């Protein structure tokens, strides 16, 4: 249940007249005097202002005072002698505090109902036992008591009851029942809790035992959220903007090139891809609209690994053909059952499936121009046909075979469908490269340590 609009209308002195009745000077240096009934010098300032009810002139009285153990406030009161309309409210005379404040009061006796309360318009009031809340900015600020807060909420709920009874009788009955519960709270038949939460930090609940601790009152100070800062009209400090790093992982980059077949202008697409349980690779694909030629190539997105990698996979099932495969330019392929070996740089870098790799091998071997035509010997043709038949049997899952990838740079990959567990049909070995392998990769002459202190460049 929520108490909607404010019980008392808005500030009626919004259109204050320039003329003002004489006011007593509170004295230099004592603009905000402690509130006291015995202080005869503390008199309100009277200002003639427009009544927003009958639009005739009424009187607004302003009192600048200080609440003990709290801070300065401005109490304003308006009354109209013509129509009898009156209104009171308070405003904080200080700045918005550095932190918000939350007062949690356990009302146990009638004395607690008489505690003075300063509730600003930005404060939220809750009574958890009734699941009741008065939202922020739904009422004007008030200097009242705990009992006055409850009475004000009751008045707010009662003011539209006649209209509700005429239009929505069931709703009006439920509100009547709730109003009865609020009235029971004023009798303090049983303890209840009232919470005043003010992000501005300018609300207050009296501690009658001050400066001693009040066991019934818990005061909590907290840092405001960004939403609360905006609600109060404060300019939240914008976090320092860090320069955005360009993320190319989800972007396909394009650059102009020429077709390797017809030399016509074409575009090459490039994308950075993260392979699960492996590393990043760069995939490049070129499609020529002039002749229809297509190429794709894979480059490693990382450095040369410290150790070489040898992957031995036993093909036992047709489903093995769907495994993802990355063959770098430095990787050689071997199929012992076919007595076949594919050297480094042949077929270039490829990101495909095991089936796609075997089909590329078949096309490379069977369509070799040096083994076709009239110049080919009968023995070569028979061997090629036998090789092609066995390769087809491997693709269909009839013939079991071993597929070996040996990459000295360690940048090749074959999917492990059991990852992160070991694959029983796949063996991955890491080995130290030989001098010749490092020479082939161009690593022997590469200086990676202490190059800043090397010999000066010779001209």
Protein backbone atom coordinates (compact mmCIF):
# COMPACT_ATOMS: atom_id res chain seq x y z
CA UNK A 1 0.00 0.00 0.00
CA UNK A 2 1.32 3.40 -0.93
CA UNK A 3 0.19 6.87 0.13
CA UNK A 4 -0.13 8.82 -3.05
CA UNK A 5 -0.21 12.61 -3.28
CA UNK A 6 0.80 14.91 -0.52
CA UNK A 7 -1.81 15.66 2.08
CA UNK A 8 -1.00 19.32 2.06
CA UNK A 9 -0.86 21.27 -1.23
CA UNK A 10 2.32 22.72 -2.63
CA UNK A 11 3.99 25.84 -1.43
CA UNK A 12 1.33 28.56 -1.67
CA UNK A 13 3.83 31.38 -1.43
CA UNK A 14 5.25 30.63 -4.86
CA UNK A 15 3.95 33.96 -6.06
CA UNK A 16 5.12 36.05 -3.13
CA UNK A 17 4.47 39.77 -3.31
CA UNK A 18 7.47 42.08 -3.08
CA UNK A 19 6.01 43.91 -0.08
CA UNK A 20 6.72 42.40 3.33
CA UNK A 21 5.59 43.22 6.82
CA UNK A 22 8.26 44.40 9.20
CA UNK A 23 10.12 41.55 10.88
CA UNK A 24 12.20 41.51 13.97
CA UNK A 25 15.89 41.17 13.38
CA UNK A 26 17.18 37.95 14.98
CA UNK A 27 20.48 39.68 15.60
CA UNK A 28 23.79 39.61 13.78
CA UNK A 29 25.48 36.24 13.74
CA UNK A 30 22.30 34.54 14.97
CA UNK A 31 20.38 34.01 11.76
CA UNK A 32 19.56 30.40 12.74
CA UNK A 33 18.71 30.29 16.46
CA UNK A 34 18.04 27.04 18.36
CA UNK A 35 14.32 26.31 18.47
CA UNK A 36 12.94 27.26 21.87
CA UNK A 37 9.58 28.43 23.21
CA UNK A 38 11.39 30.60 25.75
CA UNK A 39 13.29 32.64 23.17
CA UNK A 40 11.13 35.76 22.82
CA UNK A 41 13.47 37.34 20.28
CA UNK A 42 12.98 34.48 17.83
CA UNK A 43 10.09 35.69 15.70
CA UNK A 44 9.05 34.62 12.20
CA UNK A 45 9.42 36.80 9.12
CA UNK A 46 6.04 37.68 7.62
CA UNK A 47 5.57 38.06 3.87
CA UNK A 48 2.29 38.94 2.15
CA UNK A 49 1.79 36.39 -0.66
CA UNK A 50 -0.83 35.07 -3.03
CA UNK A 51 -3.23 32.36 -1.88
CA UNK A 52 -3.38 29.62 -4.50
CA UNK A 53 -6.86 28.62 -3.29
CA UNK A 54 -8.86 31.89 -3.60
CA UNK A 55 -6.18 33.97 -5.40
CA UNK A 56 -6.34 36.74 -2.79
CA UNK A 57 -3.47 37.83 -0.58
CA UNK A 58 -2.63 35.82 2.50
CA UNK A 59 0.33 35.70 4.84
CA UNK A 60 3.45 33.50 4.71
CA UNK A 61 5.55 33.22 7.86
CA UNK A 62 9.16 32.03 7.65
CA UNK A 63 11.13 30.89 10.68
CA UNK A 64 14.84 30.19 10.39
CA UNK A 65 15.74 27.87 13.24
CA UNK A 66 18.16 25.18 14.31
CA UNK A 67 17.14 21.80 15.70
CA UNK A 68 19.40 20.60 18.53
CA UNK A 69 21.80 17.80 17.55
CA UNK A 70 20.72 18.25 13.93
CA UNK A 71 21.03 21.25 11.58
CA UNK A 72 19.40 24.43 10.32
CA UNK A 73 15.96 24.37 8.70
CA UNK A 74 13.44 26.84 7.33
CA UNK A 75 9.87 26.43 8.59
CA UNK A 76 7.24 28.11 6.41
CA UNK A 77 3.56 28.54 7.22
CA UNK A 78 0.85 30.09 5.08
CA UNK A 79 -2.64 31.15 6.12
CA UNK A 80 -5.39 32.99 4.26
CA UNK A 81 -7.87 35.05 6.29
CA UNK A 82 -10.27 35.21 3.33
CA UNK A 83 -10.86 31.52 2.66
CA UNK A 84 -9.27 29.97 5.75
CA UNK A 85 -6.80 27.86 3.76
CA UNK A 86 -3.47 27.13 5.46
CA UNK A 87 -0.37 25.10 4.83
CA UNK A 88 2.95 24.37 6.55
CA UNK A 89 6.17 22.82 5.33
CA UNK A 90 9.91 22.80 5.97
CA UNK A 91 13.00 23.07 3.83
CA UNK A 92 16.56 22.25 4.70
CA UNK A 93 18.69 25.36 4.98
CA UNK A 94 21.90 23.41 4.51
CA UNK A 95 23.39 21.67 1.52
CA UNK A 96 22.70 18.11 0.48
CA UNK A 97 24.86 15.93 2.67
CA UNK A 98 27.73 13.80 1.42
CA UNK A 99 25.85 10.61 2.35
CA UNK A 100 22.24 9.51 2.59
CA UNK A 101 20.74 8.59 5.97
CA UNK A 102 18.30 5.93 7.11
CA UNK A 103 16.51 6.12 10.48
CA UNK A 104 14.99 2.89 11.79
CA UNK A 105 12.82 3.54 14.85
CA UNK A 106 11.13 0.80 16.88
CA UNK A 107 8.01 2.35 18.40
CA UNK A 108 7.27 0.62 21.71
CA UNK A 109 5.44 3.23 23.81
CA UNK A 110 3.35 6.38 23.49
CA UNK A 111 6.46 8.47 24.24
CA UNK A 112 7.96 7.30 20.94
CA UNK A 113 4.94 8.69 19.09
CA UNK A 114 5.84 12.16 20.39
CA UNK A 115 9.39 12.18 18.95
CA UNK A 116 10.07 15.14 16.68
CA UNK A 117 10.65 14.23 13.05
CA UNK A 118 12.06 16.26 10.18
CA UNK A 119 11.02 14.64 6.92
CA UNK A 120 12.24 16.26 3.71
CA UNK A 121 10.40 15.83 0.43
CA UNK A 122 13.14 13.45 -0.84
CA UNK A 123 12.63 11.00 2.06
CA UNK A 124 10.80 7.68 1.79
CA UNK A 125 8.76 6.51 4.81
CA UNK A 126 8.03 2.82 5.37
CA UNK A 127 6.19 0.73 7.95
CA UNK A 128 7.27 -2.87 7.22
CA UNK A 129 4.62 -4.49 9.44
CA UNK A 130 1.86 -3.11 7.19
CA UNK A 131 3.89 -3.25 3.95
CA UNK A 132 3.18 0.49 3.72
CA UNK A 133 5.33 3.09 1.96
CA UNK A 134 5.14 6.83 1.32
CA UNK A 135 7.35 7.39 -1.76
CA UNK A 136 9.84 10.21 -2.08
CA UNK A 137 8.54 13.53 -3.47
CA UNK A 138 4.90 12.50 -2.89
CA UNK A 139 4.64 14.86 0.10
CA UNK A 140 6.21 18.17 0.98
CA UNK A 141 8.77 18.31 3.76
CA UNK A 142 7.37 18.56 7.27
CA UNK A 143 8.44 19.24 10.85
CA UNK A 144 6.16 16.93 12.81
CA UNK A 145 6.13 13.90 15.13
CA UNK A 146 5.91 10.17 14.52
CA UNK A 147 2.18 10.41 15.28
CA UNK A 148 1.92 13.34 12.90
CA UNK A 149 3.48 11.28 10.08
CA UNK A 150 0.87 8.55 10.56
CA UNK A 151 -1.96 11.10 10.81
CA UNK A 152 -0.75 12.76 7.63
CA UNK A 153 -0.76 9.40 5.83
CA UNK A 154 -4.29 8.69 7.08
CA UNK A 155 -5.49 12.07 5.81
CA UNK A 156 -3.88 11.42 2.43
CA UNK A 157 -5.71 8.12 2.07
CA UNK A 158 -9.04 9.51 3.27
CA UNK A 159 -9.18 12.56 1.01
CA UNK A 160 -10.31 10.66 -2.13
CA UNK A 161 -12.45 8.05 -0.36
CA UNK A 162 -15.84 9.66 -1.25
CA UNK A 163 -14.97 9.45 -4.95
CA UNK A 164 -13.75 5.88 -4.59
CA UNK A 165 -16.92 4.80 -2.78
CA UNK A 166 -18.95 6.12 -5.69
CA UNK A 167 -16.83 4.57 -8.45
CA UNK A 168 -14.87 1.67 -6.92
CA UNK A 169 -16.60 0.49 -3.79
CA UNK A 170 -14.43 -2.64 -3.36
CA UNK A 171 -11.22 -0.59 -3.50
CA UNK A 172 -12.65 1.95 -1.04
CA UNK A 173 -13.49 -0.83 1.42
CA UNK A 174 -9.95 -2.20 1.30
CA UNK A 175 -8.54 1.28 1.90
CA UNK A 176 -10.92 1.75 4.84
CA UNK A 177 -9.59 -1.46 6.34
CA UNK A 178 -6.03 -0.25 5.88
CA UNK A 179 -6.82 3.14 7.42
CA UNK A 180 -8.19 1.31 10.46
CA UNK A 181 -4.86 -0.52 10.79
CA UNK A 182 -2.96 2.79 10.64
CA UNK A 183 -5.20 4.23 13.36
CA UNK A 184 -4.48 1.18 15.54
CA UNK A 185 -0.76 1.98 15.27
CA UNK A 186 -1.38 5.32 16.98
CA UNK A 187 -2.57 3.40 20.08
CA UNK A 188 0.78 1.48 20.17
CA UNK A 189 -0.99 -1.74 21.12
CA UNK A 190 2.06 -3.63 19.85
CA UNK A 191 5.56 -2.51 18.79
CA UNK A 192 6.07 -1.55 15.16
CA UNK A 193 8.91 -0.16 13.03
CA UNK A 194 9.02 3.07 11.07
CA UNK A 195 11.85 3.69 8.59
CA UNK A 196 12.74 7.08 7.11
CA UNK A 197 15.22 6.78 4.25
CA UNK A 198 16.53 10.08 2.88
CA UNK A 199 19.22 10.11 0.13
CA UNK A 200 19.83 13.84 0.76
CA UNK A 201 20.80 13.12 4.39
CA UNK A 202 18.66 16.03 5.67
CA UNK A 203 15.89 14.13 7.49
CA UNK A 204 15.95 13.67 11.25
CA UNK A 205 14.34 11.64 14.04
CA UNK A 206 14.70 12.94 17.59
CA UNK A 207 16.77 11.07 20.15
CA UNK A 208 15.24 12.09 23.52
CA UNK A 209 18.23 10.59 25.31
CA UNK A 210 20.84 12.63 23.40
CA UNK A 211 23.78 12.74 23.65
CA UNK A 212 23.41 9.19 24.99
CA UNK A 213 22.66 6.29 22.67
CA UNK A 214 19.05 5.50 21.84
CA UNK A 215 18.40 1.74 21.87
CA UNK A 216 15.17 2.11 19.88
CA UNK A 217 16.76 4.16 17.08
CA UNK A 218 19.28 2.92 14.50
CA UNK A 219 20.93 5.53 12.26
CA UNK A 220 22.67 4.31 9.10
CA UNK A 221 24.66 6.50 6.72
CA UNK A 222 25.25 5.19 3.19
CA UNK A 223 26.64 6.22 -0.16
CA UNK A 224 24.05 7.24 -2.70
CA UNK A 225 23.52 5.28 -5.91
CA UNK A 226 23.66 6.95 -9.33
CA UNK A 227 19.85 6.78 -9.53
CA UNK A 228 19.55 8.60 -6.20
CA UNK A 229 22.07 11.23 -7.36
CA UNK A 230 19.95 11.85 -10.45
CA UNK A 231 16.75 11.95 -8.36
CA UNK A 232 18.25 14.73 -6.25
CA UNK A 233 19.37 16.62 -9.35
CA UNK A 234 23.05 16.16 -8.61
CA UNK A 235 25.62 15.84 -11.34
CA UNK A 236 27.26 12.52 -10.70
CA UNK A 237 30.97 12.51 -11.41
CA UNK A 238 31.40 10.82 -14.73
CA UNK A 239 33.92 7.99 -14.59
CA UNK A 240 37.08 8.58 -16.50
CA UNK A 241 36.57 7.41 -20.02
CA UNK A 242 39.12 4.91 -21.07
CA UNK A 243 39.98 4.84 -24.73
CA UNK A 244 37.99 2.05 -26.27
CA UNK A 245 40.15 -0.69 -27.63
CA UNK A 246 39.02 -1.72 -31.05
CA UNK A 247 37.64 -5.24 -30.83
CA UNK A 248 38.05 -6.98 -34.15
CA UNK A 249 37.01 -10.41 -32.89
CA UNK A 250 33.37 -9.92 -33.91
CA UNK A 251 34.10 -7.93 -37.04
CA UNK A 252 34.89 -9.07 -40.57
CA UNK A 253 37.58 -6.85 -42.07
CA UNK A 254 37.91 -6.32 -45.81
CA UNK A 255 40.79 -5.14 -47.94
CA UNK A 256 41.29 -4.82 -51.70
CA UNK A 257 43.43 -7.32 -53.60
CA UNK A 258 43.70 -8.97 -57.00
CA UNK A 259 42.37 -12.38 -57.98
CA UNK A 260 45.25 -14.94 -58.23
CA UNK A 261 43.59 -16.48 -61.33
CA UNK A 262 42.43 -13.59 -63.53
CA UNK A 263 44.13 -10.68 -61.74
CA UNK A 264 40.82 -8.78 -61.61
CA UNK A 265 40.16 -6.52 -58.58
CA UNK A 266 38.65 -8.50 -55.72
CA UNK A 267 38.11 -8.25 -51.97
CA UNK A 268 39.59 -10.44 -49.26
CA UNK A 269 37.62 -10.96 -46.04
CA UNK A 270 39.58 -11.46 -42.83
CA UNK A 271 38.30 -12.49 -39.39
CA UNK A 272 39.94 -13.30 -36.07
CA UNK A 273 38.48 -16.53 -34.63
CA UNK A 274 38.99 -18.08 -31.18
CA UNK A 275 39.21 -21.88 -31.43
CA UNK A 276 38.00 -23.53 -28.18
CA UNK A 277 40.74 -25.17 -26.12
CA UNK A 278 43.34 -23.83 -28.58
CA UNK A 279 44.17 -20.28 -29.65
CA UNK A 280 43.22 -17.45 -31.96
CA UNK A 281 43.64 -17.82 -35.72
CA UNK A 282 43.14 -15.46 -38.65
CA UNK A 283 40.92 -16.75 -41.47
CA UNK A 284 41.19 -15.05 -44.85
CA UNK A 285 38.89 -15.76 -47.82
CA UNK A 286 38.88 -14.29 -51.33
CA UNK A 287 35.93 -14.52 -53.75
CA UNK A 288 36.39 -13.21 -57.29
CA UNK A 289 33.16 -11.99 -58.89
CA UNK A 290 34.82 -11.88 -62.31
CA UNK A 291 35.90 -15.51 -62.71
CA UNK A 292 34.31 -17.15 -59.63
CA UNK A 293 37.64 -18.24 -58.16
CA UNK A 294 37.59 -18.80 -54.39
CA UNK A 295 40.44 -19.25 -51.97
CA UNK A 296 40.70 -19.47 -48.21
CA UNK A 297 43.74 -19.38 -45.99
CA UNK A 298 44.46 -19.60 -42.28
CA UNK A 299 47.21 -17.83 -40.38
CA UNK A 300 48.11 -18.36 -36.76
CA UNK A 301 47.05 -15.46 -34.56
CA UNK A 302 49.77 -16.16 -32.00
CA UNK A 303 53.51 -16.63 -31.78
CA UNK A 304 55.54 -19.74 -32.56
CA UNK A 305 55.11 -22.13 -29.64
CA UNK A 306 58.18 -23.11 -27.55
CA UNK A 307 57.68 -26.77 -28.53
CA UNK A 308 56.58 -28.52 -31.68
CA UNK A 309 53.33 -30.55 -31.75
CA UNK A 310 52.66 -33.99 -33.21
CA UNK A 311 49.00 -35.11 -33.29
CA UNK A 312 48.25 -38.78 -34.05
CA UNK A 313 44.57 -39.57 -34.58
CA UNK A 314 43.08 -43.01 -35.21
CA UNK A 315 40.10 -42.77 -37.58
CA UNK A 316 37.59 -45.44 -36.45
CA UNK A 317 34.13 -44.01 -37.16
CA UNK A 318 32.44 -41.98 -39.94
CA UNK A 319 31.53 -39.32 -37.32
CA UNK A 320 35.27 -38.56 -37.01
CA UNK A 321 35.02 -36.82 -40.39
CA UNK A 322 33.17 -33.89 -38.81
CA UNK A 323 36.01 -32.91 -36.44
CA UNK A 324 37.36 -29.40 -36.91
CA UNK A 325 40.93 -29.23 -38.15
CA UNK A 326 43.46 -26.42 -38.37
CA UNK A 327 46.51 -27.01 -40.51
CA UNK A 328 49.09 -24.25 -40.46
CA UNK A 329 51.56 -23.58 -43.27
CA UNK A 330 54.32 -25.26 -41.27
CA UNK A 331 52.41 -28.53 -40.71
CA UNK A 332 53.08 -31.80 -42.55
CA UNK A 333 50.45 -34.57 -42.85
CA UNK A 334 51.02 -38.31 -42.94
CA UNK A 335 48.70 -41.31 -43.49
CA UNK A 336 50.82 -44.46 -42.84
CA UNK A 337 48.20 -46.92 -44.16
CA UNK A 338 48.35 -45.21 -47.57
CA UNK A 339 52.10 -44.59 -47.43
CA UNK A 340 51.27 -40.94 -48.01
CA UNK A 341 53.03 -37.84 -46.72
CA UNK A 342 52.17 -34.21 -47.41
CA UNK A 343 55.04 -31.79 -46.85
CA UNK A 344 55.06 -28.37 -45.18
CA UNK A 345 53.48 -25.45 -47.07
CA UNK A 346 51.58 -27.81 -49.42
CA UNK A 347 47.89 -26.78 -49.46
CA UNK A 348 48.88 -23.79 -47.30
CA UNK A 349 47.06 -23.03 -44.08
CA UNK A 350 43.54 -24.41 -43.79
CA UNK A 351 40.71 -24.35 -41.28
CA UNK A 352 38.32 -27.10 -42.28
CA UNK A 353 37.08 -30.53 -41.15
CA UNK A 354 38.92 -33.84 -41.32
CA UNK A 355 36.66 -34.79 -44.24
CA UNK A 356 37.48 -31.54 -46.03
CA UNK A 357 41.19 -32.11 -45.52
CA UNK A 358 41.06 -35.65 -46.94
CA UNK A 359 39.08 -34.44 -49.96
CA UNK A 360 41.66 -31.69 -50.59
CA UNK A 361 44.39 -34.35 -50.45
CA UNK A 362 42.50 -36.54 -52.93
CA UNK A 363 42.00 -33.63 -55.31
CA UNK A 364 45.67 -32.63 -55.01
CA UNK A 365 46.92 -36.13 -55.84
CA UNK A 366 44.42 -37.33 -58.45
CA UNK A 367 44.35 -34.06 -60.41
CA UNK A 368 48.11 -33.57 -60.52
CA UNK A 369 48.90 -32.59 -64.18
CA UNK A 370 52.19 -34.54 -64.08
CA UNK A 371 50.34 -37.80 -63.44
CA UNK A 372 47.57 -37.31 -66.00
CA UNK A 373 47.34 -37.48 -69.80
CA UNK A 374 49.40 -39.39 -72.33
CA UNK A 375 52.66 -38.82 -70.45
CA UNK A 376 51.53 -40.84 -67.43
CA UNK A 377 52.67 -44.46 -67.14
CA UNK A 378 50.16 -47.32 -66.61
CA UNK A 379 51.74 -48.10 -63.24
CA UNK A 380 51.23 -44.56 -61.96
CA UNK A 381 47.58 -44.54 -63.03
CA UNK A 382 46.90 -47.81 -61.19
CA UNK A 383 48.58 -46.50 -58.04
CA UNK A 384 46.53 -43.32 -58.18
CA UNK A 385 43.31 -45.27 -58.62
CA UNK A 386 44.21 -47.54 -55.69
CA UNK A 387 45.09 -44.52 -53.55
CA UNK A 388 41.80 -42.83 -54.44
CA UNK A 389 39.78 -45.98 -53.62
CA UNK A 390 41.42 -46.40 -50.21
CA UNK A 391 40.91 -42.71 -49.44
CA UNK A 392 37.21 -43.09 -50.30
CA UNK A 393 37.00 -46.06 -47.94
CA UNK A 394 38.51 -43.94 -45.15
CA UNK A 395 35.98 -41.18 -45.86
CA UNK A 396 33.11 -43.69 -45.73
CA UNK A 397 34.41 -45.21 -42.47
CA UNK A 398 35.13 -48.63 -44.02
CA UNK A 399 38.91 -48.47 -43.67
CA UNK A 400 40.49 -47.51 -40.37
CA UNK A 401 43.61 -45.41 -40.62
CA UNK A 402 45.91 -43.06 -38.71
CA UNK A 403 46.03 -39.37 -39.51
CA UNK A 404 49.21 -37.68 -38.30
CA UNK A 405 49.83 -33.91 -38.16
CA UNK A 406 53.39 -32.79 -37.36
CA UNK A 407 53.83 -29.05 -36.82
CA UNK A 408 57.24 -27.80 -35.56
CA UNK A 409 55.67 -24.37 -34.87
CA UNK A 410 52.95 -25.92 -32.65
CA UNK A 411 50.17 -23.98 -34.40
CA UNK A 412 48.04 -26.85 -35.75
CA UNK A 413 44.97 -28.31 -34.12
CA UNK A 414 42.54 -31.23 -34.34
CA UNK A 415 39.29 -31.06 -32.40
CA UNK A 416 38.96 -33.19 -29.27
CA UNK A 417 35.23 -33.97 -28.93
CA UNK A 418 35.83 -35.17 -25.36
CA UNK A 419 37.47 -31.91 -24.21
CA UNK A 420 38.53 -31.11 -21.58
CA UNK A 421 38.93 -34.89 -21.04
CA UNK A 422 41.48 -36.86 -23.09
CA UNK A 423 40.43 -38.40 -26.40
CA UNK A 424 41.15 -42.17 -26.38
CA UNK A 425 41.77 -42.17 -30.15
CA UNK A 426 44.02 -39.11 -30.24
CA UNK A 427 47.56 -38.67 -28.97
CA UNK A 428 49.16 -35.23 -28.69
CA UNK A 429 52.94 -35.07 -28.26
CA UNK A 430 55.05 -31.97 -27.64
CA UNK A 431 58.71 -32.16 -28.61
CA UNK A 432 61.77 -30.00 -28.75
CA UNK A 433 62.59 -28.80 -32.25
CA UNK A 434 65.85 -29.80 -33.92
CA UNK A 435 68.35 -27.28 -35.26
CA UNK A 436 67.19 -27.97 -38.84
CA UNK A 437 63.54 -27.37 -37.90
CA UNK A 438 64.43 -24.07 -36.23
CA UNK A 439 66.44 -23.16 -39.33
CA UNK A 440 63.46 -23.94 -41.55
CA UNK A 441 61.25 -21.72 -39.37
CA UNK A 442 63.84 -18.93 -39.39
CA UNK A 443 64.30 -19.04 -35.62
CA UNK A 444 68.06 -19.63 -35.43
CA UNK A 445 68.90 -16.11 -36.66
CA UNK A 446 66.11 -14.45 -34.70
CA UNK A 447 67.41 -12.49 -31.72
CA UNK A 448 64.70 -12.06 -29.07
CA UNK A 449 66.80 -11.24 -25.96
CA UNK A 450 69.19 -8.36 -25.44
CA UNK A 451 68.67 -6.99 -28.92
CA UNK A 452 68.71 -3.43 -27.56
CA UNK A 453 72.39 -3.81 -26.58
CA UNK A 454 73.43 -5.44 -29.82
CA UNK A 455 76.08 -4.15 -32.20
CA UNK A 456 75.32 -0.84 -33.92
CA UNK A 457 73.80 -1.08 -37.34
CA UNK A 458 76.40 -1.09 -40.10
CA UNK A 459 76.01 1.27 -43.00
